[in-house]
Amino acid sequence: MKRLKVPTHRELIKPYVKDERLRKRIAAGVERLRVITQIVELREKLSLSQAELAKRIGVSQPFIAKLENDEASNLSLKTLIKIVEALNGEVEIRIKPSRKAA
């Protein structure tokens, strides 16, 4: 069975967004939404409320709500790790050179 190639968000927006800086901002937003989605999915899989997760990591429920609605202005790596560990998950960070650096 032949696998279909699913286009990346960069490939999808390239014809429409000519400004490279704007494309980078869009790509960063997509990555942020992926992280948020993973957090929400883990929380729901454990049947935890936002309030229960907040209590586990020592923050308020409104903070978790803002995070899940992509309204948190800045999420530190330390806080991200606390959230993921409270959800019995692991944070995996991968750093790779950009395509232009090659």
C-alpha atoms as a PDB file:
ATOM      1  CA  MET A   1       0.000   0.000   0.000  1.00  0.00           C
ATOM      2  CA  LYS A   2       1.406   3.366  -1.020  1.00  0.00           C
ATOM      3  CA  ARG A   3       1.461   6.034   1.685  1.00  0.00           C
ATOM      4  CA  LEU A   4       0.128   9.432   0.826  1.00  0.00           C
ATOM      5  CA  LYS A   5       2.439  12.347   1.492  1.00  0.00           C
ATOM      6  CA  VAL A   6       0.730  14.786   3.799  1.00  0.00           C
ATOM      7  CA  PRO A   7       1.925  18.335   3.137  1.00  0.00           C
ATOM      8  CA  THR A   8       3.451  20.270   6.004  1.00  0.00           C
ATOM      9  CA  HIS A   9       1.958  23.550   7.122  1.00  0.00           C
ATOM     10  CA  ARG A  10       4.896  25.328   5.463  1.00  0.00           C
ATOM     11  CA  GLU A  11       4.128  23.691   2.130  1.00  0.00           C
ATOM     12  CA  LEU A  12       0.448  24.576   2.454  1.00  0.00           C
ATOM     13  CA  ILE A  13       0.957  28.261   3.192  1.00  0.00           C
ATOM     14  CA  LYS A  14       3.976  28.981   0.960  1.00  0.00           C
ATOM     15  CA  PRO A  15       1.935  29.831  -2.157  1.00  0.00           C
ATOM     16  CA  TYR A  16      -0.199  32.261  -0.169  1.00  0.00           C
ATOM     17  CA  VAL A  17       2.281  33.886   2.205  1.00  0.00           C
ATOM     18  CA  LYS A  18       5.250  35.486   0.497  1.00  0.00           C
ATOM     19  CA  ASP A  19       6.728  37.139   3.581  1.00  0.00           C
ATOM     20  CA  GLU A  20       9.274  34.748   5.139  1.00  0.00           C
ATOM     21  CA  ARG A  21       8.960  36.318   8.605  1.00  0.00           C
ATOM     22  CA  LEU A  22       5.206  35.840   8.542  1.00  0.00           C
ATOM     23  CA  ARG A  23       5.632  32.209   7.450  1.00  0.00           C
ATOM     24  CA  LYS A  24       7.964  31.648  10.422  1.00  0.00           C
ATOM     25  CA  ARG A  25       5.422  33.196  12.808  1.00  0.00           C
ATOM     26  CA  ILE A  26       2.693  30.986  11.393  1.00  0.00           C
ATOM     27  CA  ALA A  27       4.922  27.911  11.729  1.00  0.00           C
ATOM     28  CA  ALA A  28       5.691  28.808  15.360  1.00  0.00           C
ATOM     29  CA  GLY A  29       1.977  29.207  16.046  1.00  0.00           C
ATOM     30  CA  VAL A  30       1.235  25.806  14.552  1.00  0.00           C
ATOM     31  CA  GLU A  31       3.909  24.205  16.736  1.00  0.00           C
ATOM     32  CA  ARG A  32       2.516  25.959  19.825  1.00  0.00           C
ATOM     33  CA  LEU A  33      -0.964  24.621  19.018  1.00  0.00           C
ATOM     34  CA  ARG A  34       0.433  21.107  18.634  1.00  0.00           C
ATOM     35  CA  VAL A  35       1.912  21.302  22.136  1.00  0.00           C
ATOM     36  CA  ILE A  36      -1.349  22.650  23.578  1.00  0.00           C
ATOM     37  CA  THR A  37      -3.330  19.895  21.860  1.00  0.00           C
ATOM     38  CA  GLN A  38      -1.049  17.248  23.330  1.00  0.00           C
ATOM     39  CA  ILE A  39      -1.460  18.712  26.831  1.00  0.00           C
ATOM     40  CA  VAL A  40      -5.262  18.776  26.545  1.00  0.00           C
ATOM     41  CA  GLU A  41      -5.349  15.227  25.167  1.00  0.00           C
ATOM     42  CA  LEU A  42      -3.168  13.913  28.002  1.00  0.00           C
ATOM     43  CA  ARG A  43      -5.267  15.714  30.619  1.00  0.00           C
ATOM     44  CA  GLU A  44      -8.505  14.372  29.190  1.00  0.00           C
ATOM     45  CA  LYS A  45      -7.094  10.853  28.853  1.00  0.00           C
ATOM     46  CA  LEU A  46      -6.408  10.922  32.599  1.00  0.00           C
ATOM     47  CA  SER A  47      -9.906  12.325  33.227  1.00  0.00           C
ATOM     48  CA  LEU A  48      -8.415  15.308  35.051  1.00  0.00           C
ATOM     49  CA  SER A  49     -10.184  18.629  35.264  1.00  0.00           C
ATOM     50  CA  GLN A  50      -8.283  21.845  34.681  1.00  0.00           C
ATOM     51  CA  ALA A  51      -8.601  22.533  38.415  1.00  0.00           C
ATOM     52  CA  GLU A  52      -7.064  19.159  39.303  1.00  0.00           C
ATOM     53  CA  LEU A  53      -4.137  19.716  36.949  1.00  0.00           C
ATOM     54  CA  ALA A  54      -3.650  23.219  38.309  1.00  0.00           C
ATOM     55  CA  LYS A  55      -3.544  21.897  41.877  1.00  0.00           C
ATOM     56  CA  ARG A  56      -0.940  19.269  40.890  1.00  0.00           C
ATOM     57  CA  ILE A  57       1.473  21.906  39.618  1.00  0.00           C
ATOM     58  CA  GLY A  58       0.636  24.778  41.961  1.00  0.00           C
ATOM     59  CA  VAL A  59      -1.055  27.200  39.584  1.00  0.00           C
ATOM     60  CA  SER A  60      -4.606  28.481  39.226  1.00  0.00           C
ATOM     61  CA  GLN A  61      -7.309  26.872  37.108  1.00  0.00           C
ATOM     62  CA  PRO A  62      -7.634  30.069  35.031  1.00  0.00           C
ATOM     63  CA  PHE A  63      -3.946  29.715  34.120  1.00  0.00           C
ATOM     64  CA  ILE A  64      -4.618  26.217  32.729  1.00  0.00           C
ATOM     65  CA  ALA A  65      -7.694  27.510  30.880  1.00  0.00           C
ATOM     66  CA  LYS A  66      -5.664  30.335  29.314  1.00  0.00           C
ATOM     67  CA  LEU A  67      -2.934  27.898  28.338  1.00  0.00           C
ATOM     68  CA  GLU A  68      -5.401  25.497  26.726  1.00  0.00           C
ATOM     69  CA  ASN A  69      -7.085  28.359  24.855  1.00  0.00           C
ATOM     70  CA  ASP A  70      -3.719  29.658  23.588  1.00  0.00           C
ATOM     71  CA  GLU A  71      -4.159  32.825  25.618  1.00  0.00           C
ATOM     72  CA  ALA A  72      -1.136  32.379  27.902  1.00  0.00           C
ATOM     73  CA  SER A  73       1.377  35.058  26.983  1.00  0.00           C
ATOM     74  CA  ASN A  74       4.434  32.966  27.752  1.00  0.00           C
ATOM     75  CA  LEU A  75       4.960  29.405  28.900  1.00  0.00           C
ATOM     76  CA  SER A  76       8.377  28.671  30.338  1.00  0.00           C
ATOM     77  CA  LEU A  77      10.110  25.382  29.665  1.00  0.00           C
ATOM     78  CA  LYS A  78      10.128  24.748  33.422  1.00  0.00           C
ATOM     79  CA  THR A  79       6.330  25.119  33.612  1.00  0.00           C
ATOM     80  CA  LEU A  80       5.831  22.983  30.513  1.00  0.00           C
ATOM     81  CA  ILE A  81       7.881  20.196  32.079  1.00  0.00           C
ATOM     82  CA  LYS A  82       5.901  20.455  35.345  1.00  0.00           C
ATOM     83  CA  ILE A  83       2.620  20.193  33.429  1.00  0.00           C
ATOM     84  CA  VAL A  84       3.722  17.220  31.339  1.00  0.00           C
ATOM     85  CA  GLU A  85       5.172  15.372  34.333  1.00  0.00           C
ATOM     86  CA  ALA A  86       1.922  15.980  36.267  1.00  0.00           C
ATOM     87  CA  LEU A  87       0.176  14.283  33.336  1.00  0.00           C
ATOM     88  CA  ASN A  88       2.542  11.290  33.511  1.00  0.00           C
ATOM     89  CA  GLY A  89       4.123  12.319  30.242  1.00  0.00           C
ATOM     90  CA  GLU A  90       7.611  13.138  29.020  1.00  0.00           C
ATOM     91  CA  VAL A  91       8.920  16.206  27.239  1.00  0.00           C
ATOM     92  CA  GLU A  92      11.022  15.485  24.190  1.00  0.00           C
ATOM     93  CA  ILE A  93      12.824  18.385  22.540  1.00  0.00           C
ATOM     94  CA  ARG A  94      14.553  18.057  19.221  1.00  0.00           C
ATOM     95  CA  ILE A  95      16.842  20.706  17.821  1.00  0.00           C
ATOM     96  CA  LYS A  96      17.843  20.491  14.199  1.00  0.00           C
ATOM     97  CA  PRO A  97      19.535  22.788  11.744  1.00  0.00           C
ATOM     98  CA  SER A  98      17.276  24.764   9.472  1.00  0.00           C
ATOM     99  CA  ARG A  99      17.123  23.821   5.824  1.00  0.00           C
ATOM    100  CA  LYS A 100      18.884  27.049   4.934  1.00  0.00           C
ATOM    101  CA  ALA A 101      21.878  26.277   7.189  1.00  0.00           C
ATOM    102  CA  ALA A 102      22.906  23.285   5.076  1.00  0.00           C
END
